[in-house]
């Protein structure tokens, strides 16, 4: 058995049977030709929780590369290896004065995970600039291109988390970035920080990096996977009823529904900053579960379940885990 502790940000002491590093599509084809074992794909490991050991192989995605595919006066199409670090891509983009992904600075993980999760922050989701991706069918070994309309993007969701789950290895992702100013400043704390300043992609990214650094723990110092739960989206009448009893309930329009801040719900249940055994919630953000050093994946999972139960009992709302729970 091989330890996975260095390869996922919760840093629990989980193990797999064997570990393979995939640097290219050729490496992937070789593995698929030579092995019929149970396996899973792991990128940056920033959105997974191993509830125990994984009885199979783990393929580490380390496919790198960045290439400008096309460009005109208004936009630039860039293609990235799926094993590239997402934040490095954001820094590359803002360094070139390009618009589209600056609000997604400091989100951990790899480029390949971005469309799977449809990552988002501060009013922007990756599907805003997503163009296409290339993937290998793990059964057929064939290469396929998925365009935006085929990916089923939703709130922290995509085709690759549902019908396409574990069917494809994403190898390359392309984004269409704008050369024209297109700031998204819907979040008051971001807008306030930029008052009186020149609005550039780099300036926006810089403020968001600072905000995230203050709110969220560094996984190199304390094990975590960022936001553990999705913000629940409920019908408007449900939100209105809750606001009668809880006037300070943070909520945001979401089409015909209303999105409610999961962190606030959890905090109202008394979990913010709680330490329970080797796990707990982060002192500055109740939405983030942490490993204080010796927690097992199952311990964290059971603690997350207790949070869900408390929120359901108090507010009648079901919390959905954003982190992928890996079970045998």
Protein backbone atom coordinates (compact mmCIF):
# COMPACT_ATOMS: atom_id res chain seq x y z
CA UNK A 1 0.00 0.00 0.00
CA UNK A 2 1.17 3.53 -0.85
CA UNK A 3 0.44 6.59 1.29
CA UNK A 4 -1.69 9.32 -0.29
CA UNK A 5 -1.06 11.81 2.51
CA UNK A 6 1.24 14.08 0.41
CA UNK A 7 -1.19 14.13 -2.51
CA UNK A 8 -4.41 15.55 -1.06
CA UNK A 9 -4.94 18.72 0.95
CA UNK A 10 -6.86 17.15 3.84
CA UNK A 11 -3.62 15.20 4.45
CA UNK A 12 -5.30 12.26 6.15
CA UNK A 13 -3.27 9.06 6.23
CA UNK A 14 -5.11 7.21 3.46
CA UNK A 15 -3.47 4.62 1.23
CA UNK A 16 -3.90 3.14 -2.24
CA UNK A 17 -2.57 -0.06 -3.78
CA UNK A 18 -0.27 1.66 -6.32
CA UNK A 19 0.45 5.21 -7.44
CA UNK A 20 1.11 6.15 -11.08
CA UNK A 21 2.08 9.60 -12.35
CA UNK A 22 0.59 10.57 -15.70
CA UNK A 23 2.72 13.15 -17.54
CA UNK A 24 1.16 12.69 -20.98
CA UNK A 25 -1.63 10.97 -22.88
CA UNK A 26 0.94 8.33 -23.84
CA UNK A 27 1.44 7.52 -20.14
CA UNK A 28 -2.31 7.16 -19.75
CA UNK A 29 -2.63 4.87 -22.79
CA UNK A 30 0.23 2.72 -21.48
CA UNK A 31 -1.44 2.37 -18.09
CA UNK A 32 -4.81 1.48 -19.63
CA UNK A 33 -3.17 -1.11 -21.90
CA UNK A 34 -1.17 -2.76 -19.13
CA UNK A 35 -3.66 -2.67 -16.24
CA UNK A 36 -7.22 -3.76 -15.58
CA UNK A 37 -7.18 -2.74 -11.91
CA UNK A 38 -9.69 -0.54 -10.14
CA UNK A 39 -8.34 3.03 -10.34
CA UNK A 40 -9.18 6.68 -9.73
CA UNK A 41 -7.77 9.95 -11.04
CA UNK A 42 -6.32 12.55 -8.69
CA UNK A 43 -5.30 16.09 -9.65
CA UNK A 44 -4.37 18.57 -6.93
CA UNK A 45 -6.32 16.60 -4.32
CA UNK A 46 -7.93 19.80 -3.07
CA UNK A 47 -11.55 18.68 -3.26
CA UNK A 48 -11.46 15.08 -2.02
CA UNK A 49 -11.82 13.32 1.29
CA UNK A 50 -10.71 9.70 1.57
CA UNK A 51 -13.07 8.15 4.13
CA UNK A 52 -10.63 5.23 4.29
CA UNK A 53 -8.00 3.54 2.15
CA UNK A 54 -8.63 3.23 -1.60
CA UNK A 55 -8.50 -0.39 -2.76
CA UNK A 56 -7.03 0.32 -6.19
CA UNK A 57 -4.55 2.43 -8.14
CA UNK A 58 -4.38 6.21 -8.10
CA UNK A 59 -3.38 8.05 -11.28
CA UNK A 60 -1.79 11.43 -10.50
CA UNK A 61 -2.54 13.90 -13.28
CA UNK A 62 0.59 15.91 -14.08
CA UNK A 63 -0.07 16.76 -17.74
CA UNK A 64 1.40 20.26 -18.20
CA UNK A 65 1.63 22.88 -20.90
CA UNK A 66 0.10 26.18 -21.95
CA UNK A 67 -0.41 27.22 -25.57
CA UNK A 68 -2.05 30.19 -27.27
CA UNK A 69 -4.21 28.57 -29.94
CA UNK A 70 -5.83 31.63 -31.52
CA UNK A 71 -5.95 35.38 -31.02
CA UNK A 72 -7.55 38.50 -32.45
CA UNK A 73 -7.99 42.12 -31.32
CA UNK A 74 -10.69 41.21 -28.81
CA UNK A 75 -9.85 37.81 -27.36
CA UNK A 76 -7.30 35.04 -26.91
CA UNK A 77 -7.90 31.28 -26.91
CA UNK A 78 -5.53 29.41 -24.64
CA UNK A 79 -5.17 25.63 -24.21
CA UNK A 80 -3.81 24.15 -20.99
CA UNK A 81 -2.62 20.76 -19.86
CA UNK A 82 -5.14 19.47 -17.31
CA UNK A 83 -2.43 18.94 -14.71
CA UNK A 84 -1.49 22.63 -14.61
CA UNK A 85 -2.20 24.40 -11.32
CA UNK A 86 -5.32 26.52 -11.69
CA UNK A 87 -3.98 29.51 -9.74
CA UNK A 88 -0.85 29.56 -11.92
CA UNK A 89 -3.13 29.85 -14.96
CA UNK A 90 -5.00 32.76 -13.35
CA UNK A 91 -1.71 34.51 -12.67
CA UNK A 92 -0.62 33.92 -16.27
CA UNK A 93 -3.89 35.40 -17.50
CA UNK A 94 -3.83 38.55 -15.35
CA UNK A 95 -0.11 38.95 -16.08
CA UNK A 96 -1.05 39.28 -19.74
CA UNK A 97 -3.83 41.76 -18.94
CA UNK A 98 -6.57 39.32 -19.95
CA UNK A 99 -10.09 39.29 -18.48
CA UNK A 100 -12.26 36.38 -17.42
CA UNK A 101 -10.67 34.33 -14.63
CA UNK A 102 -9.31 37.02 -12.27
CA UNK A 103 -12.13 36.45 -9.73
CA UNK A 104 -11.06 32.81 -9.50
CA UNK A 105 -7.61 33.53 -8.09
CA UNK A 106 -6.22 31.29 -5.34
CA UNK A 107 -8.74 28.50 -5.88
CA UNK A 108 -6.68 25.37 -5.25
CA UNK A 109 -6.48 22.41 -7.59
CA UNK A 110 -5.67 21.67 -11.19
CA UNK A 111 -7.06 22.98 -14.46
CA UNK A 112 -8.64 19.60 -15.20
CA UNK A 113 -10.75 19.78 -12.06
CA UNK A 114 -12.11 23.25 -12.91
CA UNK A 115 -14.73 22.12 -15.45
CA UNK A 116 -15.57 19.01 -13.46
CA UNK A 117 -16.54 21.11 -10.44
CA UNK A 118 -17.45 24.21 -12.45
CA UNK A 119 -15.44 26.12 -9.87
CA UNK A 120 -16.59 29.59 -8.97
CA UNK A 121 -16.01 32.52 -6.63
CA UNK A 122 -16.93 36.16 -6.24
CA UNK A 123 -19.65 36.16 -8.88
CA UNK A 124 -17.81 34.21 -11.59
CA UNK A 125 -17.82 30.53 -12.56
CA UNK A 126 -15.27 28.96 -14.88
CA UNK A 127 -17.92 28.29 -17.52
CA UNK A 128 -17.96 32.05 -18.25
CA UNK A 129 -14.75 31.69 -20.27
CA UNK A 130 -14.72 27.92 -20.89
CA UNK A 131 -14.38 27.02 -24.57
CA UNK A 132 -13.79 23.26 -24.76
CA UNK A 133 -11.90 20.31 -23.33
CA UNK A 134 -10.27 17.15 -24.61
CA UNK A 135 -10.74 13.86 -22.80
CA UNK A 136 -9.88 10.20 -23.19
CA UNK A 137 -12.70 7.69 -22.91
CA UNK A 138 -11.39 5.29 -20.26
CA UNK A 139 -13.22 2.28 -21.70
CA UNK A 140 -12.77 2.85 -25.42
CA UNK A 141 -9.43 4.68 -25.29
CA UNK A 142 -10.75 7.20 -27.81
CA UNK A 143 -10.18 10.96 -27.73
CA UNK A 144 -13.21 13.23 -27.55
CA UNK A 145 -13.70 17.00 -27.58
CA UNK A 146 -16.45 18.46 -25.36
CA UNK A 147 -17.74 21.94 -26.10
CA UNK A 148 -19.45 24.15 -23.53
CA UNK A 149 -23.01 23.11 -24.35
CA UNK A 150 -22.09 19.43 -23.91
CA UNK A 151 -20.66 19.82 -20.41
CA UNK A 152 -23.90 20.37 -18.49
CA UNK A 153 -22.47 23.11 -16.30
CA UNK A 154 -24.45 24.06 -13.20
CA UNK A 155 -23.71 25.35 -9.73
CA UNK A 156 -20.55 23.41 -8.76
CA UNK A 157 -21.72 20.76 -11.16
CA UNK A 158 -21.13 19.31 -14.62
CA UNK A 159 -21.71 16.27 -16.82
CA UNK A 160 -18.42 14.90 -15.46
CA UNK A 161 -19.84 14.69 -11.93
CA UNK A 162 -23.00 12.91 -13.09
CA UNK A 163 -23.46 10.79 -16.22
CA UNK A 164 -19.80 11.15 -17.21
CA UNK A 165 -18.37 10.43 -13.78
CA UNK A 166 -15.26 8.21 -13.93
CA UNK A 167 -15.77 7.71 -17.66
CA UNK A 168 -13.18 10.20 -18.91
CA UNK A 169 -9.67 11.44 -18.20
CA UNK A 170 -9.61 15.16 -19.05
CA UNK A 171 -6.27 15.92 -20.72
CA UNK A 172 -6.61 19.49 -21.98
CA UNK A 173 -8.88 22.49 -21.28
CA UNK A 174 -9.28 25.63 -23.41
CA UNK A 175 -10.47 29.07 -22.29
CA UNK A 176 -11.46 32.14 -24.32
CA UNK A 177 -10.12 35.19 -22.49
CA UNK A 178 -11.11 38.76 -23.29
CA UNK A 179 -8.80 41.67 -24.10
CA UNK A 180 -11.66 44.10 -23.42
CA UNK A 181 -12.37 45.27 -19.84
CA UNK A 182 -15.03 43.10 -18.24
CA UNK A 183 -14.83 43.49 -14.44
CA UNK A 184 -17.27 41.57 -12.20
CA UNK A 185 -17.52 43.49 -8.94
CA UNK A 186 -20.83 42.28 -7.53
CA UNK A 187 -19.35 41.40 -4.15
CA UNK A 188 -19.27 44.45 -1.89
CA UNK A 189 -16.00 43.60 -0.14
CA UNK A 190 -14.18 43.36 -3.49
CA UNK A 191 -15.75 46.54 -4.88
CA UNK A 192 -14.98 48.50 -1.72
CA UNK A 193 -11.31 47.50 -1.77
CA UNK A 194 -11.01 48.75 -5.34
CA UNK A 195 -12.64 52.15 -4.80
CA UNK A 196 -10.45 54.89 -6.27
CA UNK A 197 -8.06 52.38 -7.82
CA UNK A 198 -7.46 51.50 -11.46
CA UNK A 199 -9.55 48.42 -12.23
CA UNK A 200 -7.39 45.80 -13.94
CA UNK A 201 -7.48 41.99 -13.92
CA UNK A 202 -4.33 41.99 -11.79
CA UNK A 203 -5.83 44.45 -9.29
CA UNK A 204 -8.99 42.36 -8.90
CA UNK A 205 -7.01 39.14 -8.51
CA UNK A 206 -4.74 40.79 -5.94
CA UNK A 207 -7.65 41.86 -3.73
CA UNK A 208 -9.32 38.46 -3.98
CA UNK A 209 -6.06 36.72 -3.06
CA UNK A 210 -5.84 38.95 0.02
CA UNK A 211 -9.46 38.28 1.02
CA UNK A 212 -9.17 34.52 0.53
CA UNK A 213 -5.89 34.41 2.45
CA UNK A 214 -7.58 36.04 5.44
CA UNK A 215 -10.72 33.88 5.36
CA UNK A 216 -9.36 30.48 4.43
CA UNK A 217 -6.62 28.32 5.97
CA UNK A 218 -3.46 27.46 4.04
CA UNK A 219 -3.62 23.68 3.38
CA UNK A 220 0.17 23.54 3.73
CA UNK A 221 -0.31 24.53 7.38
CA UNK A 222 -3.63 22.94 8.28
CA UNK A 223 -5.33 20.18 6.31
CA UNK A 224 -8.56 21.24 4.58
CA UNK A 225 -10.36 21.13 1.24
CA UNK A 226 -11.82 24.63 1.23
CA UNK A 227 -15.60 24.93 1.32
CA UNK A 228 -16.91 21.54 2.41
CA UNK A 229 -20.57 22.17 1.57
CA UNK A 230 -22.36 23.84 -1.32
CA UNK A 231 -24.45 26.92 -0.62
CA UNK A 232 -28.00 25.53 -0.71
CA UNK A 233 -30.34 26.84 -3.41
CA UNK A 234 -33.96 26.94 -2.27
CA UNK A 235 -37.30 28.15 -3.55
CA UNK A 236 -38.01 31.82 -2.89
CA UNK A 237 -40.96 31.15 -0.56
CA UNK A 238 -38.74 28.99 1.65
CA UNK A 239 -36.12 31.74 1.86
CA UNK A 240 -38.82 34.33 2.65
CA UNK A 241 -40.13 32.21 5.52
CA UNK A 242 -36.63 31.77 6.94
CA UNK A 243 -36.01 35.52 6.77
CA UNK A 244 -39.01 36.15 8.99
CA UNK A 245 -37.31 34.19 11.80
CA UNK A 246 -33.73 35.07 10.78
CA UNK A 247 -33.68 38.62 9.32
CA UNK A 248 -29.87 38.61 8.93
CA UNK A 249 -29.88 35.44 6.81
CA UNK A 250 -27.44 36.08 3.91
CA UNK A 251 -29.09 35.19 0.60
CA UNK A 252 -28.55 35.90 -3.09
CA UNK A 253 -30.77 35.63 -6.18
CA UNK A 254 -30.20 32.46 -8.19
CA UNK A 255 -32.53 32.60 -11.17
CA UNK A 256 -36.02 31.81 -9.86
CA UNK A 257 -34.51 30.49 -6.63
CA UNK A 258 -32.45 31.88 -3.77
CA UNK A 259 -28.95 30.85 -2.73
CA UNK A 260 -28.30 30.82 1.03
CA UNK A 261 -24.89 31.07 2.67
CA UNK A 262 -24.09 27.62 4.07
CA UNK A 263 -21.35 29.04 6.30
CA UNK A 264 -23.90 31.25 8.07
CA UNK A 265 -26.25 28.30 8.64
CA UNK A 266 -23.42 26.25 10.11
CA UNK A 267 -22.26 29.14 12.30
CA UNK A 268 -25.79 29.60 13.69
CA UNK A 269 -25.68 25.97 14.79
CA UNK A 270 -22.61 26.73 16.92
CA UNK A 271 -19.94 24.98 14.84
CA UNK A 272 -17.69 27.91 13.86
CA UNK A 273 -14.20 27.39 15.25
CA UNK A 274 -15.23 24.20 17.05
CA UNK A 275 -12.55 21.60 17.74
CA UNK A 276 -13.87 18.07 18.07
CA UNK A 277 -11.24 15.40 18.47
CA UNK A 278 -8.79 15.81 15.62
CA UNK A 279 -11.15 17.73 13.38
CA UNK A 280 -13.45 20.77 13.51
CA UNK A 281 -14.27 23.93 11.58
CA UNK A 282 -11.92 26.78 10.77
CA UNK A 283 -12.01 29.66 13.23
CA UNK A 284 -12.58 32.26 10.49
CA UNK A 285 -14.99 30.28 8.28
CA UNK A 286 -17.47 27.67 9.49
CA UNK A 287 -17.83 26.29 5.95
CA UNK A 288 -14.27 24.92 6.06
CA UNK A 289 -13.63 21.64 7.88
CA UNK A 290 -10.05 21.05 9.02
CA UNK A 291 -7.67 18.30 9.99
CA UNK A 292 -5.80 19.31 13.14
CA UNK A 293 -3.09 16.78 12.34
CA UNK A 294 -4.21 13.28 13.20
CA UNK A 295 -7.77 13.11 11.91
CA UNK A 296 -8.85 10.13 9.84
CA UNK A 297 -10.97 10.66 6.77
CA UNK A 298 -13.85 8.85 8.42
CA UNK A 299 -13.63 11.10 11.48
CA UNK A 300 -13.94 14.18 9.26
CA UNK A 301 -16.78 12.60 7.31
CA UNK A 302 -18.73 11.74 10.47
CA UNK A 303 -18.22 15.28 11.76
CA UNK A 304 -19.52 16.68 8.45
CA UNK A 305 -22.59 14.44 8.78
CA UNK A 306 -23.26 15.85 12.27
CA UNK A 307 -23.15 19.39 10.83
CA UNK A 308 -25.66 18.42 8.13
CA UNK A 309 -27.99 16.93 10.72
CA UNK A 310 -27.84 20.05 12.90
CA UNK A 311 -28.58 22.40 9.98
CA UNK A 312 -31.47 20.18 8.85
CA UNK A 313 -32.95 20.15 12.34
CA UNK A 314 -32.65 23.91 12.88
CA UNK A 315 -33.47 25.27 9.42
CA UNK A 316 -35.07 22.38 7.52
CA UNK A 317 -32.41 22.71 4.81
CA UNK A 318 -30.36 19.84 3.38
CA UNK A 319 -26.66 20.62 2.95
CA UNK A 320 -24.92 18.94 0.02
CA UNK A 321 -21.24 18.12 0.34
CA UNK A 322 -19.11 19.91 -2.26
CA UNK A 323 -16.06 17.78 -1.44
CA UNK A 324 -15.91 14.41 -3.22
CA UNK A 325 -16.02 11.58 -0.70
CA UNK A 326 -13.88 8.63 -1.83
CA UNK A 327 -15.12 5.28 -0.55
CA UNK A 328 -14.22 1.76 -1.62
